[in-house]
Amino acid sequence: MHPAPAAPPPRTSLSSSLPAPSPSTDAVTARVSPVAEAYARMTEVFPSLTVLMEAPRHGDGWVTAAGLAAGGGDLDAYLAWDDEQIRRDYGQPARPDVVAGFGLHRYAWPVCLLVTVPWFLHRRVPRLPVGAVSFHRVLGRMTAEVTSFACLPDDPAADDPGARVVADEEALRTEVRAAVAEHLGPVLDGFRPRMRRGPRALWGMATDEVTEGLWHLGRLLGEEERVLRELALLLPGATAPYVGGSDFRELAVPTAQGAEALPTRDRVSCCFFYTLRPDDTCLTCPRTCDADRIDRLSAS
């Protein structure tokens, strides 16, 4: 028995209907990037997200990270999708800050994987400033224009023209935190006026997206225990600008064989989904008590 996935629940899924990834162009371009193998492996276990190794796309449903960070018309159009989806699925409008929170989560959760998955699988950390990424939420695709990455001295890709060799594992973890912050910082600034939250709350949300995205992928890869150890080192709780840490703990969940210790955590941030469904909080929501978590994990 395993805990429910630490992924965006149905209300925050990337799409309700995703086509199969296209193998043609992606397969050709994937061979040239030191992080492409990690992205391909991610798509194998999580088909809802495909990464194209190319420059940002525009139009036809694509939104650029730079457009979101600018906080103007691109962000308005992006959030209009969330507003419509909430009205359709829940039969009521959400507060503007709740709509913005859903929209940010739906972007930040997958974009953090662009950094954390190559690190987890191959110890390679791409740098992806906001000018290097675009997102098509309906197709479940992101573009990533990777021109540089950090790696360890013994990495076979250390001689790659885009490689930046760092001394050790802790230095590489510093690169992960810096790469995510470099990308998310401007995006958080773009969303901030819509969300009515300060920097601390927004960086708490970033902490949760890094943690729960990789947690979910680790489970899909069959490496949950290792990912929990890695996240404890990556986000120990005192790594500005991040707020809080991964902070996993265990719950004793009844099973047919007696009980099983399963991991959980309390999110640093809250998505305010309870404003739409008060009795249906996230499994890791700080408003969800352990008794309810145990009941829901047992049922799953």
C-alpha atoms as a PDB file:
ATOM      1  CA  MET A   1       0.000   0.000   0.000  1.00  0.00           C
ATOM      2  CA  HIS A   2       1.298   3.441  -0.853  1.00  0.00           C
ATOM      3  CA  PRO A   3       0.266   6.996  -0.084  1.00  0.00           C
ATOM      4  CA  ALA A   4      -1.709   8.996  -2.590  1.00  0.00           C
ATOM      5  CA  PRO A   5       0.560  10.665  -5.147  1.00  0.00           C
ATOM      6  CA  ALA A   6       2.014  14.003  -4.109  1.00  0.00           C
ATOM      7  CA  ALA A   7       0.966  15.428  -7.461  1.00  0.00           C
ATOM      8  CA  PRO A   8      -1.492  18.097  -8.495  1.00  0.00           C
ATOM      9  CA  PRO A   9      -4.901  16.605  -7.619  1.00  0.00           C
ATOM     10  CA  PRO A  10      -7.628  16.616 -10.289  1.00  0.00           C
ATOM     11  CA  ARG A  11      -8.496  20.235  -9.608  1.00  0.00           C
ATOM     12  CA  THR A  12      -4.928  21.199 -10.516  1.00  0.00           C
ATOM     13  CA  SER A  13      -4.080  18.695 -13.214  1.00  0.00           C
ATOM     14  CA  LEU A  14      -2.106  19.824 -16.226  1.00  0.00           C
ATOM     15  CA  SER A  15      -4.972  18.822 -18.486  1.00  0.00           C
ATOM     16  CA  SER A  16      -8.074  16.707 -18.416  1.00  0.00           C
ATOM     17  CA  SER A  17      -7.239  15.174 -21.796  1.00  0.00           C
ATOM     18  CA  LEU A  18      -3.659  14.789 -22.911  1.00  0.00           C
ATOM     19  CA  PRO A  19      -2.531  13.332 -26.244  1.00  0.00           C
ATOM     20  CA  ALA A  20       0.348  10.915 -26.472  1.00  0.00           C
ATOM     21  CA  PRO A  21       3.775  12.582 -26.822  1.00  0.00           C
ATOM     22  CA  SER A  22       5.033  13.053 -30.362  1.00  0.00           C
ATOM     23  CA  PRO A  23       8.212  10.994 -30.862  1.00  0.00           C
ATOM     24  CA  SER A  24       9.468  12.496 -34.119  1.00  0.00           C
ATOM     25  CA  THR A  25      11.103  15.878 -33.583  1.00  0.00           C
ATOM     26  CA  ASP A  26      11.641  15.294 -29.870  1.00  0.00           C
ATOM     27  CA  ALA A  27      13.653  12.111 -30.419  1.00  0.00           C
ATOM     28  CA  VAL A  28      16.034  13.848 -32.805  1.00  0.00           C
ATOM     29  CA  THR A  29      16.691  16.880 -30.638  1.00  0.00           C
ATOM     30  CA  ALA A  30      16.838  14.835 -27.416  1.00  0.00           C
ATOM     31  CA  ARG A  31      20.175  13.252 -28.390  1.00  0.00           C
ATOM     32  CA  VAL A  32      22.059  16.542 -28.306  1.00  0.00           C
ATOM     33  CA  SER A  33      21.341  17.624 -24.737  1.00  0.00           C
ATOM     34  CA  PRO A  34      22.993  16.196 -21.600  1.00  0.00           C
ATOM     35  CA  VAL A  35      19.660  16.520 -19.745  1.00  0.00           C
ATOM     36  CA  ALA A  36      17.403  15.117 -22.465  1.00  0.00           C
ATOM     37  CA  GLU A  37      17.683  11.527 -21.247  1.00  0.00           C
ATOM     38  CA  ALA A  38      16.339  12.589 -17.854  1.00  0.00           C
ATOM     39  CA  TYR A  39      13.400  14.374 -19.469  1.00  0.00           C
ATOM     40  CA  ALA A  40      12.652  11.336 -21.628  1.00  0.00           C
ATOM     41  CA  ARG A  41      12.690   9.088 -18.567  1.00  0.00           C
ATOM     42  CA  MET A  42      10.346  11.487 -16.788  1.00  0.00           C
ATOM     43  CA  THR A  43       7.877  11.314 -19.664  1.00  0.00           C
ATOM     44  CA  GLU A  44       8.030   7.508 -19.628  1.00  0.00           C
ATOM     45  CA  VAL A  45       6.662   7.391 -16.095  1.00  0.00           C
ATOM     46  CA  PHE A  46       4.666  10.637 -16.254  1.00  0.00           C
ATOM     47  CA  PRO A  47       3.229  10.888 -19.781  1.00  0.00           C
ATOM     48  CA  SER A  48       1.247  14.009 -18.898  1.00  0.00           C
ATOM     49  CA  LEU A  49       4.413  16.077 -19.342  1.00  0.00           C
ATOM     50  CA  THR A  50       6.691  16.118 -22.383  1.00  0.00           C
ATOM     51  CA  VAL A  51       9.749  18.375 -22.649  1.00  0.00           C
ATOM     52  CA  LEU A  52      10.896  19.707 -26.019  1.00  0.00           C
ATOM     53  CA  MET A  53      14.540  20.760 -26.150  1.00  0.00           C
ATOM     54  CA  GLU A  54      14.120  24.001 -28.046  1.00  0.00           C
ATOM     55  CA  ALA A  55      13.564  27.754 -27.774  1.00  0.00           C
ATOM     56  CA  PRO A  56      10.291  29.031 -26.277  1.00  0.00           C
ATOM     57  CA  ARG A  57       7.206  28.818 -28.445  1.00  0.00           C
ATOM     58  CA  HIS A  58       4.544  31.509 -28.808  1.00  0.00           C
ATOM     59  CA  GLY A  59       0.867  31.448 -29.719  1.00  0.00           C
ATOM     60  CA  ASP A  60      -1.507  28.511 -30.275  1.00  0.00           C
ATOM     61  CA  GLY A  61      -1.920  27.894 -26.555  1.00  0.00           C
ATOM     62  CA  TRP A  62       1.714  28.417 -25.584  1.00  0.00           C
ATOM     63  CA  VAL A  63       2.659  30.819 -22.794  1.00  0.00           C
ATOM     64  CA  THR A  64       6.225  31.829 -22.075  1.00  0.00           C
ATOM     65  CA  ALA A  65       7.716  32.042 -18.614  1.00  0.00           C
ATOM     66  CA  ALA A  66       8.821  35.570 -19.486  1.00  0.00           C
ATOM     67  CA  GLY A  67       5.218  36.456 -20.311  1.00  0.00           C
ATOM     68  CA  LEU A  68       4.024  35.170 -16.935  1.00  0.00           C
ATOM     69  CA  ALA A  69       6.790  37.043 -15.157  1.00  0.00           C
ATOM     70  CA  ALA A  70       5.793  40.291 -16.888  1.00  0.00           C
ATOM     71  CA  GLY A  71       2.410  40.090 -15.186  1.00  0.00           C
ATOM     72  CA  GLY A  72       0.445  41.623 -18.059  1.00  0.00           C
ATOM     73  CA  GLY A  73      -1.763  40.327 -20.847  1.00  0.00           C
ATOM     74  CA  ASP A  74      -0.088  36.935 -21.073  1.00  0.00           C
ATOM     75  CA  LEU A  75      -0.782  36.325 -17.403  1.00  0.00           C
ATOM     76  CA  ASP A  76      -4.367  37.556 -17.786  1.00  0.00           C
ATOM     77  CA  ALA A  77      -4.970  35.064 -20.593  1.00  0.00           C
ATOM     78  CA  TYR A  78      -3.264  32.280 -18.663  1.00  0.00           C
ATOM     79  CA  LEU A  79      -5.407  32.823 -15.554  1.00  0.00           C
ATOM     80  CA  ALA A  80      -8.601  33.112 -17.581  1.00  0.00           C
ATOM     81  CA  TRP A  81      -8.212  29.379 -18.270  1.00  0.00           C
ATOM     82  CA  ASP A  82      -8.095  28.642 -14.529  1.00  0.00           C
ATOM     83  CA  ASP A  83     -11.073  30.882 -13.851  1.00  0.00           C
ATOM     84  CA  GLU A  84     -13.155  29.120 -16.498  1.00  0.00           C
ATOM     85  CA  GLN A  85     -12.101  25.663 -15.319  1.00  0.00           C
ATOM     86  CA  ILE A  86     -13.049  26.427 -11.704  1.00  0.00           C
ATOM     87  CA  ARG A  87     -16.458  27.764 -12.715  1.00  0.00           C
ATOM     88  CA  ARG A  88     -17.073  24.724 -14.918  1.00  0.00           C
ATOM     89  CA  ASP A  89     -15.872  22.045 -12.505  1.00  0.00           C
ATOM     90  CA  TYR A  90     -17.115  23.483  -9.217  1.00  0.00           C
ATOM     91  CA  GLY A  91     -20.152  25.464 -10.305  1.00  0.00           C
ATOM     92  CA  GLN A  92     -18.995  28.672  -8.686  1.00  0.00           C
ATOM     93  CA  PRO A  93     -16.362  31.357  -9.149  1.00  0.00           C
ATOM     94  CA  ALA A  94     -13.244  31.473  -6.988  1.00  0.00           C
ATOM     95  CA  ARG A  95     -11.661  34.525  -5.451  1.00  0.00           C
ATOM     96  CA  PRO A  96      -9.130  36.115  -7.805  1.00  0.00           C
ATOM     97  CA  ASP A  97      -6.267  35.222  -5.459  1.00  0.00           C
ATOM     98  CA  VAL A  98      -7.398  31.584  -5.413  1.00  0.00           C
ATOM     99  CA  VAL A  99      -7.522  31.521  -9.227  1.00  0.00           C
ATOM    100  CA  ALA A 100      -3.999  32.957  -9.323  1.00  0.00           C
ATOM    101  CA  GLY A 101      -2.806  30.387  -6.802  1.00  0.00           C
ATOM    102  CA  PHE A 102      -4.166  27.537  -8.904  1.00  0.00           C
ATOM    103  CA  GLY A 103      -2.502  28.991 -11.991  1.00  0.00           C
ATOM    104  CA  LEU A 104       0.846  29.389 -10.284  1.00  0.00           C
ATOM    105  CA  HIS A 105       0.742  25.851  -8.916  1.00  0.00           C
ATOM    106  CA  ARG A 106      -0.064  24.448 -12.347  1.00  0.00           C
ATOM    107  CA  TYR A 107       3.008  26.127 -13.757  1.00  0.00           C
ATOM    108  CA  ALA A 108       5.479  25.856 -10.872  1.00  0.00           C
ATOM    109  CA  TRP A 109       4.919  22.140 -10.181  1.00  0.00           C
ATOM    110  CA  PRO A 110       6.090  20.963 -13.642  1.00  0.00           C
ATOM    111  CA  VAL A 111       8.716  23.660 -14.192  1.00  0.00           C
ATOM    112  CA  CYS A 112      10.532  22.661 -11.008  1.00  0.00           C
ATOM    113  CA  LEU A 113      10.844  19.163 -12.457  1.00  0.00           C
ATOM    114  CA  LEU A 114      12.903  20.574 -15.323  1.00  0.00           C
ATOM    115  CA  VAL A 115      15.624  21.219 -12.743  1.00  0.00           C
ATOM    116  CA  THR A 116      15.098  18.524 -10.124  1.00  0.00           C
ATOM    117  CA  VAL A 117      14.643  15.459 -12.336  1.00  0.00           C
ATOM    118  CA  PRO A 118      18.000  15.740 -14.187  1.00  0.00           C
ATOM    119  CA  TRP A 119      19.645  16.344 -10.820  1.00  0.00           C
ATOM    120  CA  PHE A 120      17.982  13.337  -9.213  1.00  0.00           C
ATOM    121  CA  LEU A 121      18.607  10.957 -12.100  1.00  0.00           C
ATOM    122  CA  HIS A 122      21.977  12.059 -13.486  1.00  0.00           C
ATOM    123  CA  ARG A 123      23.404  14.720 -11.167  1.00  0.00           C
ATOM    124  CA  ARG A 124      23.070  17.400 -13.840  1.00  0.00           C
ATOM    125  CA  VAL A 125      21.456  20.743 -13.014  1.00  0.00           C
ATOM    126  CA  PRO A 126      20.296  22.854 -15.967  1.00  0.00           C
ATOM    127  CA  ARG A 127      20.054  26.627 -15.730  1.00  0.00           C
ATOM    128  CA  LEU A 128      16.738  27.824 -17.121  1.00  0.00           C
ATOM    129  CA  PRO A 129      16.132  31.564 -16.831  1.00  0.00           C
ATOM    130  CA  VAL A 130      12.627  32.796 -17.630  1.00  0.00           C
ATOM    131  CA  GLY A 131      13.647  33.472 -21.223  1.00  0.00           C
ATOM    132  CA  ALA A 132      14.312  29.763 -21.785  1.00  0.00           C
ATOM    133  CA  VAL A 133      10.941  28.110 -21.066  1.00  0.00           C
ATOM    134  CA  SER A 134       7.426  27.999 -22.462  1.00  0.00           C
ATOM    135  CA  PHE A 135       4.398  25.938 -21.442  1.00  0.00           C
ATOM    136  CA  HIS A 136       1.372  24.480 -23.206  1.00  0.00           C
ATOM    137  CA  ARG A 137      -0.914  23.408 -20.417  1.00  0.00           C
ATOM    138  CA  VAL A 138      -3.535  21.677 -22.611  1.00  0.00           C
ATOM    139  CA  LEU A 139      -0.993  19.536 -24.444  1.00  0.00           C
ATOM    140  CA  GLY A 140       1.067  18.951 -21.303  1.00  0.00           C
ATOM    141  CA  ARG A 141       4.260  20.184 -22.942  1.00  0.00           C
ATOM    142  CA  MET A 142       7.102  22.460 -21.977  1.00  0.00           C
ATOM    143  CA  THR A 143      10.010  23.745 -24.017  1.00  0.00           C
ATOM    144  CA  ALA A 144      13.403  24.059 -22.359  1.00  0.00           C
ATOM    145  CA  GLU A 145      16.320  25.784 -24.045  1.00  0.00           C
ATOM    146  CA  VAL A 146      19.230  24.417 -22.026  1.00  0.00           C
ATOM    147  CA  THR A 147      22.577  26.036 -22.785  1.00  0.00           C
ATOM    148  CA  SER A 148      24.401  25.353 -19.527  1.00  0.00           C
ATOM    149  CA  PHE A 149      24.276  22.885 -16.668  1.00  0.00           C
ATOM    150  CA  ALA A 150      26.200  22.066 -13.505  1.00  0.00           C
ATOM    151  CA  CYS A 151      27.662  18.627 -12.899  1.00  0.00           C
ATOM    152  CA  LEU A 152      30.193  16.765 -10.778  1.00  0.00           C
ATOM    153  CA  PRO A 153      33.860  16.263 -11.783  1.00  0.00           C
ATOM    154  CA  ASP A 154      33.397  12.563 -12.621  1.00  0.00           C
ATOM    155  CA  ASP A 155      30.402  13.164 -14.901  1.00  0.00           C
ATOM    156  CA  PRO A 156      31.035  11.897 -18.467  1.00  0.00           C
ATOM    157  CA  ALA A 157      29.467  15.174 -19.658  1.00  0.00           C
ATOM    158  CA  ALA A 158      31.934  17.334 -17.707  1.00  0.00           C
ATOM    159  CA  ASP A 159      33.751  18.192 -20.950  1.00  0.00           C
ATOM    160  CA  ASP A 160      30.562  19.390 -22.643  1.00  0.00           C
ATOM    161  CA  PRO A 161      30.841  23.059 -23.738  1.00  0.00           C
ATOM    162  CA  GLY A 162      27.875  23.965 -21.542  1.00  0.00           C
ATOM    163  CA  ALA A 163      29.101  22.147 -18.423  1.00  0.00           C
ATOM    164  CA  ARG A 164      30.001  23.948 -15.206  1.00  0.00           C
ATOM    165  CA  VAL A 165      31.814  21.541 -12.916  1.00  0.00           C
ATOM    166  CA  VAL A 166      31.211  21.922  -9.188  1.00  0.00           C
ATOM    167  CA  ALA A 167      33.145  20.375  -6.340  1.00  0.00           C
ATOM    168  CA  ASP A 168      30.758  17.979  -4.631  1.00  0.00           C
ATOM    169  CA  GLU A 169      27.187  16.949  -3.873  1.00  0.00           C
ATOM    170  CA  GLU A 170      26.481  19.889  -1.583  1.00  0.00           C
ATOM    171  CA  ALA A 171      27.702  22.303  -4.227  1.00  0.00           C
ATOM    172  CA  LEU A 172      25.372  20.608  -6.684  1.00  0.00           C
ATOM    173  CA  ARG A 173      22.453  20.962  -4.276  1.00  0.00           C
ATOM    174  CA  THR A 174      23.276  24.661  -4.076  1.00  0.00           C
ATOM    175  CA  GLU A 175      23.035  24.736  -7.871  1.00  0.00           C
ATOM    176  CA  VAL A 176      19.579  23.133  -7.741  1.00  0.00           C
ATOM    177  CA  ARG A 177      18.293  25.715  -5.292  1.00  0.00           C
ATOM    178  CA  ALA A 178      19.829  28.544  -7.305  1.00  0.00           C
ATOM    179  CA  ALA A 179      18.483  27.291 -10.642  1.00  0.00           C
ATOM    180  CA  VAL A 180      14.929  26.982  -9.343  1.00  0.00           C
ATOM    181  CA  ALA A 181      15.136  30.386  -7.662  1.00  0.00           C
ATOM    182  CA  GLU A 182      16.533  32.009 -10.800  1.00  0.00           C
ATOM    183  CA  HIS A 183      13.535  30.817 -12.780  1.00  0.00           C
ATOM    184  CA  LEU A 184      10.746  31.073 -10.213  1.00  0.00           C
ATOM    185  CA  GLY A 185      11.778  34.402  -8.681  1.00  0.00           C
ATOM    186  CA  PRO A 186      10.585  36.550 -11.603  1.00  0.00           C
ATOM    187  CA  VAL A 187       7.489  34.378 -12.072  1.00  0.00           C
ATOM    188  CA  LEU A 188       6.537  34.804  -8.416  1.00  0.00           C
ATOM    189  CA  ASP A 189       6.948  38.551  -8.833  1.00  0.00           C
ATOM    190  CA  GLY A 190       4.568  38.462 -11.793  1.00  0.00           C
ATOM    191  CA  PHE A 191       1.921  36.520  -9.860  1.00  0.00           C
ATOM    192  CA  ARG A 192       2.334  38.338  -6.561  1.00  0.00           C
ATOM    193  CA  PRO A 193      -0.112  41.239  -7.152  1.00  0.00           C
ATOM    194  CA  ARG A 194      -2.814  38.740  -8.168  1.00  0.00           C
ATOM    195  CA  MET A 195      -2.267  36.454  -5.183  1.00  0.00           C
ATOM    196  CA  ARG A 196      -2.223  39.026  -2.403  1.00  0.00           C
ATOM    197  CA  ARG A 197       0.576  37.173  -0.632  1.00  0.00           C
ATOM    198  CA  GLY A 198       3.986  38.376   0.426  1.00  0.00           C
ATOM    199  CA  PRO A 199       7.372  36.963  -0.592  1.00  0.00           C
ATOM    200  CA  ARG A 200       7.553  34.585   2.351  1.00  0.00           C
ATOM    201  CA  ALA A 201       4.249  32.909   1.460  1.00  0.00           C
ATOM    202  CA  LEU A 202       5.209  32.663  -2.203  1.00  0.00           C
ATOM    203  CA  TRP A 203       8.593  31.113  -1.465  1.00  0.00           C
ATOM    204  CA  GLY A 204       6.837  28.705   0.881  1.00  0.00           C
ATOM    205  CA  MET A 205       4.782  27.672  -2.120  1.00  0.00           C
ATOM    206  CA  ALA A 206       7.987  27.244  -4.137  1.00  0.00           C
ATOM    207  CA  THR A 207       9.327  24.968  -1.406  1.00  0.00           C
ATOM    208  CA  ASP A 208       6.219  22.820  -1.686  1.00  0.00           C
ATOM    209  CA  GLU A 209       6.357  22.618  -5.480  1.00  0.00           C
ATOM    210  CA  VAL A 210       9.994  21.490  -5.467  1.00  0.00           C
ATOM    211  CA  THR A 211       9.310  18.931  -2.760  1.00  0.00           C
ATOM    212  CA  GLU A 212       6.026  17.419  -3.853  1.00  0.00           C
ATOM    213  CA  GLY A 213       6.825  17.351  -7.556  1.00  0.00           C
ATOM    214  CA  LEU A 214       9.997  15.331  -7.097  1.00  0.00           C
ATOM    215  CA  TRP A 215       8.327  13.196  -4.421  1.00  0.00           C
ATOM    216  CA  HIS A 216       5.679  12.195  -6.942  1.00  0.00           C
ATOM    217  CA  LEU A 217       8.242  11.439  -9.644  1.00  0.00           C
ATOM    218  CA  GLY A 218      10.310   9.438  -7.180  1.00  0.00           C
ATOM    219  CA  ARG A 219       7.325   7.238  -6.451  1.00  0.00           C
ATOM    220  CA  LEU A 220       6.652   6.722 -10.150  1.00  0.00           C
ATOM    221  CA  LEU A 221      10.298   5.780 -10.649  1.00  0.00           C
ATOM    222  CA  GLY A 222      10.150   3.312  -7.759  1.00  0.00           C
ATOM    223  CA  GLU A 223      12.676   5.337  -5.758  1.00  0.00           C
ATOM    224  CA  GLU A 224      10.558   7.002  -3.099  1.00  0.00           C
ATOM    225  CA  GLU A 225      12.930   6.258  -0.220  1.00  0.00           C
ATOM    226  CA  ARG A 226      15.899   7.765  -2.040  1.00  0.00           C
ATOM    227  CA  VAL A 227      13.963  10.834  -3.092  1.00  0.00           C
ATOM    228  CA  LEU A 228      12.922  11.475   0.509  1.00  0.00           C
ATOM    229  CA  ARG A 229      16.560  11.340   1.585  1.00  0.00           C
ATOM    230  CA  GLU A 230      17.649  13.610  -1.249  1.00  0.00           C
ATOM    231  CA  LEU A 231      14.927  16.169  -0.528  1.00  0.00           C
ATOM    232  CA  ALA A 232      15.843  16.277   3.147  1.00  0.00           C
ATOM    233  CA  LEU A 233      19.348  17.343   2.115  1.00  0.00           C
ATOM    234  CA  LEU A 234      18.163  19.691  -0.617  1.00  0.00           C
ATOM    235  CA  LEU A 235      15.659  21.560   1.558  1.00  0.00           C
ATOM    236  CA  PRO A 236      16.684  21.125   5.195  1.00  0.00           C
ATOM    237  CA  GLY A 237      14.738  24.201   6.284  1.00  0.00           C
ATOM    238  CA  ALA A 238      17.239  27.073   6.284  1.00  0.00           C
ATOM    239  CA  THR A 239      18.029  27.722   2.634  1.00  0.00           C
ATOM    240  CA  ALA A 240      16.848  31.211   1.651  1.00  0.00           C
ATOM    241  CA  PRO A 241      14.858  32.243  -0.272  1.00  0.00           C
ATOM    242  CA  TYR A 242      12.973  28.992   0.381  1.00  0.00           C
ATOM    243  CA  VAL A 243      10.729  28.919   3.410  1.00  0.00           C
ATOM    244  CA  GLY A 244      10.569  25.740   5.453  1.00  0.00           C
ATOM    245  CA  GLY A 245      11.944  22.401   4.348  1.00  0.00           C
ATOM    246  CA  SER A 246      10.812  19.106   2.898  1.00  0.00           C
ATOM    247  CA  ASP A 247      10.005  18.004   6.484  1.00  0.00           C
ATOM    248  CA  PHE A 248       8.734  14.509   5.839  1.00  0.00           C
ATOM    249  CA  ARG A 249       7.424  12.400   8.684  1.00  0.00           C
ATOM    250  CA  GLU A 250       5.747   9.015   8.930  1.00  0.00           C
ATOM    251  CA  LEU A 251       2.233   7.919   9.777  1.00  0.00           C
ATOM    252  CA  ALA A 252       1.270   4.425  10.902  1.00  0.00           C
ATOM    253  CA  VAL A 253      -1.440   3.382   8.446  1.00  0.00           C
ATOM    254  CA  PRO A 254      -3.465   0.204   9.124  1.00  0.00           C
ATOM    255  CA  THR A 255      -3.122  -2.554   6.545  1.00  0.00           C
ATOM    256  CA  ALA A 256      -4.280  -6.145   6.256  1.00  0.00           C
ATOM    257  CA  GLN A 257      -0.900  -7.181   7.688  1.00  0.00           C
ATOM    258  CA  GLY A 258      -1.096  -4.792  10.656  1.00  0.00           C
ATOM    259  CA  ALA A 259       0.323  -1.334   9.921  1.00  0.00           C
ATOM    260  CA  GLU A 260       2.681   0.369   7.513  1.00  0.00           C
ATOM    261  CA  ALA A 261       4.722   3.526   8.057  1.00  0.00           C
ATOM    262  CA  LEU A 262       3.999   5.902   5.174  1.00  0.00           C
ATOM    263  CA  PRO A 263       5.526   9.321   4.545  1.00  0.00           C
ATOM    264  CA  THR A 264       3.607  12.558   4.772  1.00  0.00           C
ATOM    265  CA  ARG A 265       4.375  16.225   5.290  1.00  0.00           C
ATOM    266  CA  ASP A 266       2.591  19.456   6.062  1.00  0.00           C
ATOM    267  CA  ARG A 267       2.725  21.888   3.170  1.00  0.00           C
ATOM    268  CA  VAL A 268       4.310  25.230   3.995  1.00  0.00           C
ATOM    269  CA  SER A 269       1.689  26.971   1.856  1.00  0.00           C
ATOM    270  CA  CYS A 270      -2.027  26.544   1.226  1.00  0.00           C
ATOM    271  CA  CYS A 271      -3.780  26.600  -2.151  1.00  0.00           C
ATOM    272  CA  PHE A 272      -7.084  27.733  -0.586  1.00  0.00           C
ATOM    273  CA  PHE A 273      -8.988  24.919  -2.252  1.00  0.00           C
ATOM    274  CA  TYR A 274     -11.015  24.725   0.949  1.00  0.00           C
ATOM    275  CA  THR A 275     -12.721  27.964  -0.141  1.00  0.00           C
ATOM    276  CA  LEU A 276     -14.355  25.889  -2.897  1.00  0.00           C
ATOM    277  CA  ARG A 277     -14.665  22.529  -1.146  1.00  0.00           C
ATOM    278  CA  PRO A 278     -14.286  22.907   2.647  1.00  0.00           C
ATOM    279  CA  ASP A 279     -14.465  19.156   3.251  1.00  0.00           C
ATOM    280  CA  ASP A 280     -12.007  18.168   0.516  1.00  0.00           C
ATOM    281  CA  THR A 281      -8.565  19.440   1.486  1.00  0.00           C
ATOM    282  CA  CYS A 282      -5.277  18.225   0.011  1.00  0.00           C
ATOM    283  CA  LEU A 283      -3.700  15.218   1.680  1.00  0.00           C
ATOM    284  CA  THR A 284      -0.685  17.300   2.762  1.00  0.00           C
ATOM    285  CA  CYS A 285      -2.668  20.458   3.561  1.00  0.00           C
ATOM    286  CA  PRO A 286      -1.848  21.880   7.005  1.00  0.00           C
ATOM    287  CA  ARG A 287      -5.615  21.922   7.594  1.00  0.00           C
ATOM    288  CA  THR A 288      -5.823  18.119   7.189  1.00  0.00           C
ATOM    289  CA  CYS A 289      -5.348  16.345  10.513  1.00  0.00           C
ATOM    290  CA  ASP A 290      -3.397  13.123  10.776  1.00  0.00           C
ATOM    291  CA  ALA A 291      -6.509  11.094  11.574  1.00  0.00           C
ATOM    292  CA  ASP A 292      -8.066  12.154   8.280  1.00  0.00           C
ATOM    293  CA  ARG A 293      -4.817  11.436   6.439  1.00  0.00           C
ATOM    294  CA  ILE A 294      -4.666   7.933   7.873  1.00  0.00           C
ATOM    295  CA  ASP A 295      -8.285   7.268   6.883  1.00  0.00           C
ATOM    296  CA  ARG A 296      -7.686   8.468   3.346  1.00  0.00           C
ATOM    297  CA  LEU A 297      -4.420   6.564   2.973  1.00  0.00           C
ATOM    298  CA  SER A 298      -6.106   3.408   4.262  1.00  0.00           C
ATOM    299  CA  ALA A 299      -8.922   3.822   1.765  1.00  0.00           C
ATOM    300  CA  SER A 300      -6.474   4.251  -1.091  1.00  0.00           C
END
